[in-house]
Amino acid sequence: MAKTNPFTFLQQVRSETAKVTWPSRRETMISTIMVLAMVVIASVFFFTVDQIYGWGFDLIFGPTR
């Protein structure tokens, strides 16, 4: 693999970055909202499952606290 001088490397990086199709502000906002919604849904789900398992273990083994 041939070594490239830093100036040529930066030119290549700039050229490749110009080819990237960046998302619009609207697409970014929608994606952010969807990620936050999924985080909230997953948090509620895992909290609920944890509470149910805790209740089940307390029922079987008695309170450990």
C-alpha atoms as a PDB file:
ATOM      1  CA  MET A   1       0.000   0.000   0.000  1.00  0.00           C
ATOM      2  CA  ALA A   2       1.474   3.325  -1.058  1.00  0.00           C
ATOM      3  CA  LYS A   3       1.871   6.070   1.506  1.00  0.00           C
ATOM      4  CA  THR A   4       0.115   9.351   0.801  1.00  0.00           C
ATOM      5  CA  ASN A   5       1.271  12.693   2.040  1.00  0.00           C
ATOM      6  CA  PRO A   6      -1.070  14.447   4.507  1.00  0.00           C
ATOM      7  CA  PHE A   7      -2.133  17.142   2.021  1.00  0.00           C
ATOM      8  CA  THR A   8      -3.231  14.569  -0.585  1.00  0.00           C
ATOM      9  CA  PHE A   9      -4.976  12.554   2.110  1.00  0.00           C
ATOM     10  CA  LEU A  10      -6.991  15.578   3.252  1.00  0.00           C
ATOM     11  CA  GLN A  11      -7.943  16.351  -0.355  1.00  0.00           C
ATOM     12  CA  GLN A  12      -9.201  12.780  -0.769  1.00  0.00           C
ATOM     13  CA  VAL A  13     -11.156  12.968   2.485  1.00  0.00           C
ATOM     14  CA  ARG A  14     -12.771  16.223   1.379  1.00  0.00           C
ATOM     15  CA  SER A  15     -13.634  14.711  -2.001  1.00  0.00           C
ATOM     16  CA  GLU A  16     -15.236  11.638  -0.414  1.00  0.00           C
ATOM     17  CA  THR A  17     -17.129  13.730   2.142  1.00  0.00           C
ATOM     18  CA  ALA A  18     -18.655  15.748  -0.689  1.00  0.00           C
ATOM     19  CA  LYS A  19     -20.190  12.515  -2.074  1.00  0.00           C
ATOM     20  CA  VAL A  20     -22.059  11.762   1.167  1.00  0.00           C
ATOM     21  CA  THR A  21     -25.822  12.252   1.065  1.00  0.00           C
ATOM     22  CA  TRP A  22     -26.550  13.947   4.373  1.00  0.00           C
ATOM     23  CA  PRO A  23     -30.029  13.614   5.932  1.00  0.00           C
ATOM     24  CA  SER A  24     -32.264  16.647   6.011  1.00  0.00           C
ATOM     25  CA  ARG A  25     -33.077  18.395   9.271  1.00  0.00           C
ATOM     26  CA  ARG A  26     -36.572  16.864   9.184  1.00  0.00           C
ATOM     27  CA  GLU A  27     -35.205  13.332   8.695  1.00  0.00           C
ATOM     28  CA  THR A  28     -32.763  13.847  11.555  1.00  0.00           C
ATOM     29  CA  MET A  29     -35.513  15.092  13.882  1.00  0.00           C
ATOM     30  CA  ILE A  30     -37.828  12.193  13.003  1.00  0.00           C
ATOM     31  CA  SER A  31     -35.029   9.669  13.566  1.00  0.00           C
ATOM     32  CA  THR A  32     -34.143  11.279  16.897  1.00  0.00           C
ATOM     33  CA  ILE A  33     -37.763  11.211  18.069  1.00  0.00           C
ATOM     34  CA  MET A  34     -38.116   7.560  17.012  1.00  0.00           C
ATOM     35  CA  VAL A  35     -34.948   6.580  18.886  1.00  0.00           C
ATOM     36  CA  LEU A  36     -36.114   8.388  22.028  1.00  0.00           C
ATOM     37  CA  ALA A  37     -39.539   6.734  21.781  1.00  0.00           C
ATOM     38  CA  MET A  38     -37.935   3.290  21.449  1.00  0.00           C
ATOM     39  CA  VAL A  39     -35.693   4.005  24.462  1.00  0.00           C
ATOM     40  CA  VAL A  40     -38.739   4.948  26.546  1.00  0.00           C
ATOM     41  CA  ILE A  41     -40.675   1.874  25.385  1.00  0.00           C
ATOM     42  CA  ALA A  42     -37.719  -0.441  26.106  1.00  0.00           C
ATOM     43  CA  SER A  43     -37.185   1.182  29.517  1.00  0.00           C
ATOM     44  CA  VAL A  44     -40.821   0.708  30.510  1.00  0.00           C
ATOM     45  CA  PHE A  45     -40.771  -2.884  29.228  1.00  0.00           C
ATOM     46  CA  PHE A  46     -37.619  -3.862  31.120  1.00  0.00           C
ATOM     47  CA  PHE A  47     -38.772  -2.076  34.275  1.00  0.00           C
ATOM     48  CA  THR A  48     -42.086  -3.954  34.124  1.00  0.00           C
ATOM     49  CA  VAL A  49     -40.386  -7.323  33.527  1.00  0.00           C
ATOM     50  CA  ASP A  50     -37.957  -6.624  36.391  1.00  0.00           C
ATOM     51  CA  GLN A  51     -40.838  -5.787  38.732  1.00  0.00           C
ATOM     52  CA  ILE A  52     -42.721  -8.940  37.739  1.00  0.00           C
ATOM     53  CA  TYR A  53     -39.650 -11.138  38.266  1.00  0.00           C
ATOM     54  CA  GLY A  54     -38.980  -9.448  41.614  1.00  0.00           C
ATOM     55  CA  TRP A  55     -42.558 -10.059  42.693  1.00  0.00           C
ATOM     56  CA  GLY A  56     -42.324 -13.709  41.555  1.00  0.00           C
ATOM     57  CA  PHE A  57     -39.072 -14.338  43.422  1.00  0.00           C
ATOM     58  CA  ASP A  58     -40.486 -12.705  46.564  1.00  0.00           C
ATOM     59  CA  LEU A  59     -43.546 -14.934  46.235  1.00  0.00           C
ATOM     60  CA  ILE A  60     -41.395 -18.082  45.908  1.00  0.00           C
ATOM     61  CA  PHE A  61     -38.474 -17.335  48.241  1.00  0.00           C
ATOM     62  CA  GLY A  62     -39.966 -14.718  50.544  1.00  0.00           C
ATOM     63  CA  PRO A  63     -38.881 -11.101  50.867  1.00  0.00           C
ATOM     64  CA  THR A  64     -35.088 -10.799  50.916  1.00  0.00           C
ATOM     65  CA  ARG A  65     -34.916  -7.184  52.007  1.00  0.00           C
END
